[in-house]
Amino acid sequence: MNTFTVNLTDAELKALTYVCLSPQEWIDNAVHERCRLAMEEIFQMEVQRMVADPNIKEIPADREAVVLAADIKTGAERNAEITERVLAENNDGV
């Protein structure tokens, strides 16, 4: 299990308590929902990849197992590739 800490200014905390009953619960729900959406996206991509691969005979029934086994790039890696591509395109036009 991983733990993350969020630091809020007094003004940010006041604003958050204005829109929710429990800042901790709201933050937990927001993070877990974003993770759920990303896991679903990874699962769908990985299952499509496995179905298309004639060497794969079985697909795990457990979604978390599929996500954990997926060979994916991090957001930082994808961002670096996009930045590199944009810079290359801009340099080509110079």
PDB file of N, CA and C in Angstrom:
ATOM      1  N   MET A   1       0.852  -1.177   0.000  1.00  0.00           N
ATOM      2  CA  MET A   1       0.000   0.000   0.000  1.00  0.00           C
ATOM      3  C   MET A   1       0.894   1.235   0.000  1.00  0.00           C
ATOM      4  N   ASN A   2       0.527   2.207  -0.789  1.00  0.00           N
ATOM      5  CA  ASN A   2       1.282   3.457  -0.865  1.00  0.00           C
ATOM      6  C   ASN A   2       0.505   4.571  -0.179  1.00  0.00           C
ATOM      7  N   THR A   3       1.221   5.496   0.433  1.00  0.00           N
ATOM      8  CA  THR A   3       0.602   6.621   1.114  1.00  0.00           C
ATOM      9  C   THR A   3       1.105   7.912   0.502  1.00  0.00           C
ATOM     10  N   PHE A   4       0.190   8.838   0.280  1.00  0.00           N
ATOM     11  CA  PHE A   4       0.532  10.154  -0.250  1.00  0.00           C
ATOM     12  C   PHE A   4      -0.034  11.203   0.689  1.00  0.00           C
ATOM     13  N   THR A   5       0.650  12.315   0.792  1.00  0.00           N
ATOM     14  CA  THR A   5       0.219  13.396   1.659  1.00  0.00           C
ATOM     15  C   THR A   5      -0.109  14.611   0.812  1.00  0.00           C
ATOM     16  N   VAL A   6      -1.201  15.259   1.146  1.00  0.00           N
ATOM     17  CA  VAL A   6      -1.608  16.478   0.461  1.00  0.00           C
ATOM     18  C   VAL A   6      -1.538  17.615   1.471  1.00  0.00           C
ATOM     19  N   ASN A   7      -0.842  18.670   1.116  1.00  0.00           N
ATOM     20  CA  ASN A   7      -0.765  19.850   1.972  1.00  0.00           C
ATOM     21  C   ASN A   7      -1.656  20.942   1.401  1.00  0.00           C
ATOM     22  N   LEU A   8      -2.534  21.475   2.234  1.00  0.00           N
ATOM     23  CA  LEU A   8      -3.428  22.550   1.832  1.00  0.00           C
ATOM     24  C   LEU A   8      -3.169  23.779   2.689  1.00  0.00           C
ATOM     25  N   THR A   9      -3.254  24.932   2.053  1.00  0.00           N
ATOM     26  CA  THR A   9      -3.195  26.167   2.836  1.00  0.00           C
ATOM     27  C   THR A   9      -4.501  26.289   3.616  1.00  0.00           C
ATOM     28  N   ASP A  10      -4.536  27.189   4.562  1.00  0.00           N
ATOM     29  CA  ASP A  10      -5.774  27.406   5.320  1.00  0.00           C
ATOM     30  C   ASP A  10      -6.901  27.827   4.389  1.00  0.00           C
ATOM     31  N   ALA A  11      -6.583  28.654   3.402  1.00  0.00           N
ATOM     32  CA  ALA A  11      -7.601  29.120   2.453  1.00  0.00           C
ATOM     33  C   ALA A  11      -8.109  27.961   1.593  1.00  0.00           C
ATOM     34  N   GLU A  12      -7.205  27.074   1.158  1.00  0.00           N
ATOM     35  CA  GLU A  12      -7.621  25.913   0.359  1.00  0.00           C
ATOM     36  C   GLU A  12      -8.505  24.984   1.177  1.00  0.00           C
ATOM     37  N   LEU A  13      -8.147  24.753   2.430  1.00  0.00           N
ATOM     38  CA  LEU A  13      -8.951  23.907   3.299  1.00  0.00           C
ATOM     39  C   LEU A  13     -10.337  24.519   3.518  1.00  0.00           C
ATOM     40  N   LYS A  14     -10.380  25.810   3.734  1.00  0.00           N
ATOM     41  CA  LYS A  14     -11.669  26.483   3.922  1.00  0.00           C
ATOM     42  C   LYS A  14     -12.529  26.330   2.675  1.00  0.00           C
ATOM     43  N   ALA A  15     -11.912  26.511   1.508  1.00  0.00           N
ATOM     44  CA  ALA A  15     -12.650  26.372   0.249  1.00  0.00           C
ATOM     45  C   ALA A  15     -13.145  24.942   0.065  1.00  0.00           C
ATOM     46  N   LEU A  16     -12.316  23.959   0.404  1.00  0.00           N
ATOM     47  CA  LEU A  16     -12.711  22.565   0.233  1.00  0.00           C
ATOM     48  C   LEU A  16     -13.838  22.196   1.195  1.00  0.00           C
ATOM     49  N   THR A  17     -13.763  22.686   2.416  1.00  0.00           N
ATOM     50  CA  THR A  17     -14.832  22.383   3.371  1.00  0.00           C
ATOM     51  C   THR A  17     -16.143  23.084   2.984  1.00  0.00           C
ATOM     52  N   TYR A  18     -16.047  24.105   2.158  1.00  0.00           N
ATOM     53  CA  TYR A  18     -17.241  24.784   1.650  1.00  0.00           C
ATOM     54  C   TYR A  18     -18.000  23.885   0.672  1.00  0.00           C
ATOM     55  N   VAL A  19     -17.273  23.061  -0.095  1.00  0.00           N
ATOM     56  CA  VAL A  19     -17.907  22.250  -1.135  1.00  0.00           C
ATOM     57  C   VAL A  19     -18.086  20.780  -0.769  1.00  0.00           C
ATOM     58  N   CYS A  20     -17.586  20.357   0.388  1.00  0.00           N
ATOM     59  CA  CYS A  20     -17.746  18.939   0.757  1.00  0.00           C
ATOM     60  C   CYS A  20     -17.894  18.800   2.264  1.00  0.00           C
ATOM     61  N   LEU A  21     -18.411  17.641   2.665  1.00  0.00           N
ATOM     62  CA  LEU A  21     -18.589  17.377   4.091  1.00  0.00           C
ATOM     63  C   LEU A  21     -17.281  17.033   4.780  1.00  0.00           C
ATOM     64  N   SER A  22     -16.441  16.256   4.080  1.00  0.00           N
ATOM     65  CA  SER A  22     -15.187  15.791   4.659  1.00  0.00           C
ATOM     66  C   SER A  22     -14.078  15.918   3.621  1.00  0.00           C
ATOM     67  N   PRO A  23     -13.115  16.824   3.832  1.00  0.00           N
ATOM     68  CA  PRO A  23     -12.021  16.949   2.870  1.00  0.00           C
ATOM     69  C   PRO A  23     -11.275  15.634   2.649  1.00  0.00           C
ATOM     70  N   GLN A  24     -11.014  14.872   3.702  1.00  0.00           N
ATOM     71  CA  GLN A  24     -10.292  13.601   3.556  1.00  0.00           C
ATOM     72  C   GLN A  24     -11.083  12.630   2.688  1.00  0.00           C
ATOM     73  N   GLU A  25     -12.365  12.527   2.966  1.00  0.00           N
ATOM     74  CA  GLU A  25     -13.210  11.617   2.189  1.00  0.00           C
ATOM     75  C   GLU A  25     -13.288  12.067   0.728  1.00  0.00           C
ATOM     76  N   TRP A  26     -13.409  13.366   0.493  1.00  0.00           N
ATOM     77  CA  TRP A  26     -13.487  13.881  -0.869  1.00  0.00           C
ATOM     78  C   TRP A  26     -12.185  13.583  -1.624  1.00  0.00           C
ATOM     79  N   ILE A  27     -11.050  13.831  -0.994  1.00  0.00           N
ATOM     80  CA  ILE A  27      -9.749  13.565  -1.625  1.00  0.00           C
ATOM     81  C   ILE A  27      -9.598  12.069  -1.908  1.00  0.00           C
ATOM     82  N   ASP A  28      -9.941  11.234  -0.936  1.00  0.00           N
ATOM     83  CA  ASP A  28      -9.867   9.785  -1.137  1.00  0.00           C
ATOM     84  C   ASP A  28     -10.734   9.352  -2.319  1.00  0.00           C
ATOM     85  N   ASN A  29     -11.972   9.842  -2.356  1.00  0.00           N
ATOM     86  CA  ASN A  29     -12.884   9.467  -3.437  1.00  0.00           C
ATOM     87  C   ASN A  29     -12.372   9.944  -4.790  1.00  0.00           C
ATOM     88  N   ALA A  30     -11.855  11.157  -4.857  1.00  0.00           N
ATOM     89  CA  ALA A  30     -11.352  11.698  -6.126  1.00  0.00           C
ATOM     90  C   ALA A  30     -10.181  10.867  -6.648  1.00  0.00           C
ATOM     91  N   VAL A  31      -9.253  10.521  -5.779  1.00  0.00           N
ATOM     92  CA  VAL A  31      -8.080   9.749  -6.187  1.00  0.00           C
ATOM     93  C   VAL A  31      -8.479   8.333  -6.596  1.00  0.00           C
ATOM     94  N   HIS A  32      -9.320   7.693  -5.801  1.00  0.00           N
ATOM     95  CA  HIS A  32      -9.729   6.326  -6.117  1.00  0.00           C
ATOM     96  C   HIS A  32     -10.530   6.265  -7.420  1.00  0.00           C
ATOM     97  N   GLU A  33     -11.362   7.245  -7.670  1.00  0.00           N
ATOM     98  CA  GLU A  33     -12.128   7.264  -8.917  1.00  0.00           C
ATOM     99  C   GLU A  33     -11.212   7.460 -10.122  1.00  0.00           C
ATOM    100  N   ARG A  34     -10.214   8.346  -9.984  1.00  0.00           N
ATOM    101  CA  ARG A  34      -9.281   8.546 -11.106  1.00  0.00           C
ATOM    102  C   ARG A  34      -8.479   7.287 -11.368  1.00  0.00           C
ATOM    103  N   CYS A  35      -8.082   6.610 -10.315  1.00  0.00           N
ATOM    104  CA  CYS A  35      -7.369   5.332 -10.464  1.00  0.00           C
ATOM    105  C   CYS A  35      -8.263   4.297 -11.126  1.00  0.00           C
ATOM    106  N   ARG A  36      -9.526   4.244 -10.733  1.00  0.00           N
ATOM    107  CA  ARG A  36     -10.460   3.280 -11.326  1.00  0.00           C
ATOM    108  C   ARG A  36     -10.584   3.510 -12.825  1.00  0.00           C
ATOM    109  N   LEU A  37     -10.703   4.760 -13.244  1.00  0.00           N
ATOM    110  CA  LEU A  37     -10.821   5.080 -14.665  1.00  0.00           C
ATOM    111  C   LEU A  37      -9.559   4.688 -15.430  1.00  0.00           C
ATOM    112  N   ALA A  38      -8.399   4.974 -14.864  1.00  0.00           N
ATOM    113  CA  ALA A  38      -7.138   4.617 -15.523  1.00  0.00           C
ATOM    114  C   ALA A  38      -6.973   3.104 -15.584  1.00  0.00           C
ATOM    115  N   MET A  39      -7.341   2.407 -14.522  1.00  0.00           N
ATOM    116  CA  MET A  39      -7.238   0.948 -14.519  1.00  0.00           C
ATOM    117  C   MET A  39      -8.147   0.345 -15.580  1.00  0.00           C
ATOM    118  N   GLU A  40      -9.333   0.892 -15.743  1.00  0.00           N
ATOM    119  CA  GLU A  40     -10.251   0.396 -16.774  1.00  0.00           C
ATOM    120  C   GLU A  40      -9.663   0.612 -18.166  1.00  0.00           C
ATOM    121  N   GLU A  41      -9.072   1.770 -18.395  1.00  0.00           N
ATOM    122  CA  GLU A  41      -8.439   2.058 -19.685  1.00  0.00           C
ATOM    123  C   GLU A  41      -7.287   1.086 -19.954  1.00  0.00           C
ATOM    124  N   ILE A  42      -6.436   0.888 -18.965  1.00  0.00           N
ATOM    125  CA  ILE A  42      -5.299  -0.039 -19.110  1.00  0.00           C
ATOM    126  C   ILE A  42      -5.815  -1.453 -19.349  1.00  0.00           C
ATOM    127  N   PHE A  43      -6.821  -1.873 -18.590  1.00  0.00           N
ATOM    128  CA  PHE A  43      -7.388  -3.209 -18.737  1.00  0.00           C
ATOM    129  C   PHE A  43      -7.907  -3.421 -20.154  1.00  0.00           C
ATOM    130  N   GLN A  44      -8.677  -2.471 -20.660  1.00  0.00           N
ATOM    131  CA  GLN A  44      -9.239  -2.599 -22.010  1.00  0.00           C
ATOM    132  C   GLN A  44      -8.136  -2.682 -23.065  1.00  0.00           C
ATOM    133  N   MET A  45      -7.123  -1.821 -22.960  1.00  0.00           N
ATOM    134  CA  MET A  45      -6.012  -1.848 -23.921  1.00  0.00           C
ATOM    135  C   MET A  45      -5.267  -3.177 -23.859  1.00  0.00           C
ATOM    136  N   GLU A  46      -5.028  -3.655 -22.649  1.00  0.00           N
ATOM    137  CA  GLU A  46      -4.259  -4.889 -22.470  1.00  0.00           C
ATOM    138  C   GLU A  46      -5.040  -6.105 -22.966  1.00  0.00           C
ATOM    139  N   VAL A  47      -6.329  -6.161 -22.701  1.00  0.00           N
ATOM    140  CA  VAL A  47      -7.138  -7.276 -23.182  1.00  0.00           C
ATOM    141  C   VAL A  47      -7.174  -7.269 -24.712  1.00  0.00           C
ATOM    142  N   GLN A  48      -7.331  -6.100 -25.321  1.00  0.00           N
ATOM    143  CA  GLN A  48      -7.296  -6.010 -26.793  1.00  0.00           C
ATOM    144  C   GLN A  48      -5.960  -6.504 -27.335  1.00  0.00           C
ATOM    145  N   ARG A  49      -4.869  -6.124 -26.676  1.00  0.00           N
ATOM    146  CA  ARG A  49      -3.551  -6.561 -27.105  1.00  0.00           C
ATOM    147  C   ARG A  49      -3.432  -8.079 -26.985  1.00  0.00           C
ATOM    148  N   MET A  50      -3.907  -8.631 -25.864  1.00  0.00           N
ATOM    149  CA  MET A  50      -3.808 -10.072 -25.649  1.00  0.00           C
ATOM    150  C   MET A  50      -4.660 -10.851 -26.643  1.00  0.00           C
ATOM    151  N   VAL A  51      -5.853 -10.364 -26.933  1.00  0.00           N
ATOM    152  CA  VAL A  51      -6.736 -11.038 -27.894  1.00  0.00           C
ATOM    153  C   VAL A  51      -6.092 -11.064 -29.282  1.00  0.00           C
ATOM    154  N   ALA A  52      -5.389 -10.000 -29.633  1.00  0.00           N
ATOM    155  CA  ALA A  52      -4.747  -9.911 -30.944  1.00  0.00           C
ATOM    156  C   ALA A  52      -3.456 -10.721 -31.036  1.00  0.00           C
ATOM    157  N   ASP A  53      -2.903 -11.131 -29.900  1.00  0.00           N
ATOM    158  CA  ASP A  53      -1.640 -11.870 -29.879  1.00  0.00           C
ATOM    159  C   ASP A  53      -1.910 -13.372 -29.938  1.00  0.00           C
ATOM    160  N   PRO A  54      -1.550 -14.040 -31.062  1.00  0.00           N
ATOM    161  CA  PRO A  54      -1.837 -15.472 -31.190  1.00  0.00           C
ATOM    162  C   PRO A  54      -1.052 -16.342 -30.202  1.00  0.00           C
ATOM    163  N   ASN A  55      -0.014 -15.806 -29.590  1.00  0.00           N
ATOM    164  CA  ASN A  55       0.779 -16.574 -28.626  1.00  0.00           C
ATOM    165  C   ASN A  55       0.148 -16.626 -27.242  1.00  0.00           C
ATOM    166  N   ILE A  56      -0.823 -15.770 -26.997  1.00  0.00           N
ATOM    167  CA  ILE A  56      -1.475 -15.742 -25.681  1.00  0.00           C
ATOM    168  C   ILE A  56      -2.686 -16.657 -25.718  1.00  0.00           C
ATOM    169  N   LYS A  57      -2.695 -17.636 -24.839  1.00  0.00           N
ATOM    170  CA  LYS A  57      -3.753 -18.653 -24.792  1.00  0.00           C
ATOM    171  C   LYS A  57      -4.772 -18.385 -23.687  1.00  0.00           C
ATOM    172  N   GLU A  58      -4.376 -17.609 -22.663  1.00  0.00           N
ATOM    173  CA  GLU A  58      -5.267 -17.324 -21.543  1.00  0.00           C
ATOM    174  C   GLU A  58      -5.167 -15.856 -21.151  1.00  0.00           C
ATOM    175  N   ILE A  59      -6.297 -15.308 -20.770  1.00  0.00           N
ATOM    176  CA  ILE A  59      -6.345 -13.942 -20.257  1.00  0.00           C
ATOM    177  C   ILE A  59      -6.786 -14.037 -18.799  1.00  0.00           C
ATOM    178  N   PRO A  60      -6.018 -13.461 -17.879  1.00  0.00           N
ATOM    179  CA  PRO A  60      -6.406 -13.531 -16.463  1.00  0.00           C
ATOM    180  C   PRO A  60      -7.802 -12.943 -16.237  1.00  0.00           C
ATOM    181  N   ALA A  61      -8.561 -13.558 -15.368  1.00  0.00           N
ATOM    182  CA  ALA A  61      -9.904 -13.072 -15.042  1.00  0.00           C
ATOM    183  C   ALA A  61      -9.858 -11.891 -14.071  1.00  0.00           C
ATOM    184  N   ASP A  62      -8.743 -11.729 -13.387  1.00  0.00           N
ATOM    185  CA  ASP A  62      -8.606 -10.681 -12.385  1.00  0.00           C
ATOM    186  C   ASP A  62      -8.120  -9.385 -13.035  1.00  0.00           C
ATOM    187  N   ARG A  63      -8.926  -8.335 -12.946  1.00  0.00           N
ATOM    188  CA  ARG A  63      -8.577  -7.046 -13.565  1.00  0.00           C
ATOM    189  C   ARG A  63      -7.253  -6.498 -13.033  1.00  0.00           C
ATOM    190  N   GLU A  64      -7.063  -6.575 -11.721  1.00  0.00           N
ATOM    191  CA  GLU A  64      -5.824  -6.044 -11.145  1.00  0.00           C
ATOM    192  C   GLU A  64      -4.608  -6.796 -11.663  1.00  0.00           C
ATOM    193  N   ALA A  65      -4.734  -8.110 -11.853  1.00  0.00           N
ATOM    194  CA  ALA A  65      -3.620  -8.899 -12.390  1.00  0.00           C
ATOM    195  C   ALA A  65      -3.285  -8.448 -13.807  1.00  0.00           C
ATOM    196  N   VAL A  66      -4.312  -8.170 -14.599  1.00  0.00           N
ATOM    197  CA  VAL A  66      -4.090  -7.696 -15.971  1.00  0.00           C
ATOM    198  C   VAL A  66      -3.396  -6.339 -15.946  1.00  0.00           C
ATOM    199  N   VAL A  67      -3.869  -5.439 -15.100  1.00  0.00           N
ATOM    200  CA  VAL A  67      -3.274  -4.097 -15.008  1.00  0.00           C
ATOM    201  C   VAL A  67      -1.825  -4.185 -14.531  1.00  0.00           C
ATOM    202  N   LEU A  68      -1.583  -4.969 -13.502  1.00  0.00           N
ATOM    203  CA  LEU A  68      -0.221  -5.085 -12.968  1.00  0.00           C
ATOM    204  C   LEU A  68       0.743  -5.706 -13.967  1.00  0.00           C
ATOM    205  N   ALA A  69       0.252  -6.605 -14.811  1.00  0.00           N
ATOM    206  CA  ALA A  69       1.117  -7.272 -15.787  1.00  0.00           C
ATOM    207  C   ALA A  69       1.314  -6.438 -17.058  1.00  0.00           C
ATOM    208  N   ALA A  70       0.497  -5.427 -17.256  1.00  0.00           N
ATOM    209  CA  ALA A  70       0.566  -4.623 -18.482  1.00  0.00           C
ATOM    210  C   ALA A  70       1.895  -3.872 -18.563  1.00  0.00           C
ATOM    211  N   ASP A  71       2.488  -3.924 -19.738  1.00  0.00           N
ATOM    212  CA  ASP A  71       3.731  -3.193 -19.994  1.00  0.00           C
ATOM    213  C   ASP A  71       3.342  -1.826 -20.557  1.00  0.00           C
ATOM    214  N   ILE A  72       3.193  -0.864 -19.663  1.00  0.00           N
ATOM    215  CA  ILE A  72       2.731   0.466 -20.079  1.00  0.00           C
ATOM    216  C   ILE A  72       3.769   1.514 -19.708  1.00  0.00           C
ATOM    217  N   LYS A  73       3.682   2.645 -20.389  1.00  0.00           N
ATOM    218  CA  LYS A  73       4.561   3.769 -20.070  1.00  0.00           C
ATOM    219  C   LYS A  73       3.864   4.647 -19.042  1.00  0.00           C
ATOM    220  N   THR A  74       4.664   5.280 -18.213  1.00  0.00           N
ATOM    221  CA  THR A  74       4.104   6.210 -17.229  1.00  0.00           C
ATOM    222  C   THR A  74       3.680   7.502 -17.928  1.00  0.00           C
ATOM    223  N   GLY A  75       2.920   8.310 -17.228  1.00  0.00           N
ATOM    224  CA  GLY A  75       2.544   9.613 -17.764  1.00  0.00           C
ATOM    225  C   GLY A  75       3.771  10.463 -18.050  1.00  0.00           C
ATOM    226  N   ALA A  76       4.785  10.357 -17.202  1.00  0.00           N
ATOM    227  CA  ALA A  76       6.021  11.124 -17.409  1.00  0.00           C
ATOM    228  C   ALA A  76       6.732  10.664 -18.680  1.00  0.00           C
ATOM    229  N   GLU A  77       6.755   9.356 -18.918  1.00  0.00           N
ATOM    230  CA  GLU A  77       7.401   8.840 -20.128  1.00  0.00           C
ATOM    231  C   GLU A  77       6.640   9.271 -21.383  1.00  0.00           C
ATOM    232  N   ARG A  78       5.303   9.167 -21.341  1.00  0.00           N
ATOM    233  CA  ARG A  78       4.500   9.592 -22.498  1.00  0.00           C
ATOM    234  C   ARG A  78       4.647  11.085 -22.742  1.00  0.00           C
ATOM    235  N   ASN A  79       4.680  11.869 -21.674  1.00  0.00           N
ATOM    236  CA  ASN A  79       4.848  13.310 -21.806  1.00  0.00           C
ATOM    237  C   ASN A  79       6.198  13.658 -22.429  1.00  0.00           C
ATOM    238  N   ALA A  80       7.262  12.968 -22.015  1.00  0.00           N
ATOM    239  CA  ALA A  80       8.595  13.211 -22.571  1.00  0.00           C
ATOM    240  C   ALA A  80       8.619  12.894 -24.059  1.00  0.00           C
ATOM    241  N   GLU A  81       7.946  11.808 -24.464  1.00  0.00           N
ATOM    242  CA  GLU A  81       7.890  11.458 -25.884  1.00  0.00           C
ATOM    243  C   GLU A  81       7.158  12.524 -26.693  1.00  0.00           C
ATOM    244  N   ILE A  82       6.057  13.009 -26.161  1.00  0.00           N
ATOM    245  CA  ILE A  82       5.286  14.046 -26.852  1.00  0.00           C
ATOM    246  C   ILE A  82       6.110  15.321 -26.966  1.00  0.00           C
ATOM    247  N   THR A  83       6.761  15.699 -25.882  1.00  0.00           N
ATOM    248  CA  THR A  83       7.603  16.899 -25.889  1.00  0.00           C
ATOM    249  C   THR A  83       8.715  16.765 -26.913  1.00  0.00           C
ATOM    250  N   GLU A  84       9.346  15.605 -26.938  1.00  0.00           N
ATOM    251  CA  GLU A  84      10.428  15.348 -27.890  1.00  0.00           C
ATOM    252  C   GLU A  84       9.918  15.435 -29.334  1.00  0.00           C
ATOM    253  N   ARG A  85       8.749  14.867 -29.579  1.00  0.00           N
ATOM    254  CA  ARG A  85       8.155  14.897 -30.912  1.00  0.00           C
ATOM    255  C   ARG A  85       7.809  16.326 -31.338  1.00  0.00           C
ATOM    256  N   VAL A  86       7.226  17.094 -30.424  1.00  0.00           N
ATOM    257  CA  VAL A  86       6.864  18.489 -30.729  1.00  0.00           C
ATOM    258  C   VAL A  86       8.108  19.321 -31.003  1.00  0.00           C
ATOM    259  N   LEU A  87       9.134  19.136 -30.188  1.00  0.00           N
ATOM    260  CA  LEU A  87      10.381  19.867 -30.404  1.00  0.00           C
ATOM    261  C   LEU A  87      11.017  19.490 -31.749  1.00  0.00           C
ATOM    262  N   ALA A  88      10.970  18.227 -32.095  1.00  0.00           N
ATOM    263  CA  ALA A  88      11.515  17.775 -33.378  1.00  0.00           C
ATOM    264  C   ALA A  88      10.740  18.379 -34.535  1.00  0.00           C
ATOM    265  N   GLU A  89       9.429  18.423 -34.417  1.00  0.00           N
ATOM    266  CA  GLU A  89       8.587  19.009 -35.471  1.00  0.00           C
ATOM    267  C   GLU A  89       8.875  20.505 -35.609  1.00  0.00           C
ATOM    268  N   ASN A  90       9.033  21.185 -34.471  1.00  0.00           N
ATOM    269  CA  ASN A  90       9.336  22.625 -34.509  1.00  0.00           C
ATOM    270  C   ASN A  90      10.705  22.890 -35.108  1.00  0.00           C
ATOM    271  N   ASN A  91      11.671  22.036 -34.819  1.00  0.00           N
ATOM    272  CA  ASN A  91      13.011  22.210 -35.376  1.00  0.00           C
ATOM    273  C   ASN A  91      13.050  21.918 -36.865  1.00  0.00           C
ATOM    274  N   ASP A  92      12.185  21.024 -37.336  1.00  0.00           N
ATOM    275  CA  ASP A  92      12.121  20.728 -38.754  1.00  0.00           C
ATOM    276  C   ASP A  92      11.599  21.915 -39.544  1.00  0.00           C
ATOM    277  N   GLY A  93      10.730  22.686 -38.937  1.00  0.00           N
ATOM    278  CA  GLY A  93      10.141  23.834 -39.613  1.00  0.00           C
ATOM    279  C   GLY A  93      10.982  25.098 -39.547  1.00  0.00           C
ATOM    280  N   VAL A  94      12.114  25.041 -38.828  1.00  0.00           N
ATOM    281  CA  VAL A  94      12.953  26.241 -38.655  1.00  0.00           C
ATOM    282  C   VAL A  94      13.835  26.449 -39.825  1.00  0.00           C
TER     283      VAL A  94
END
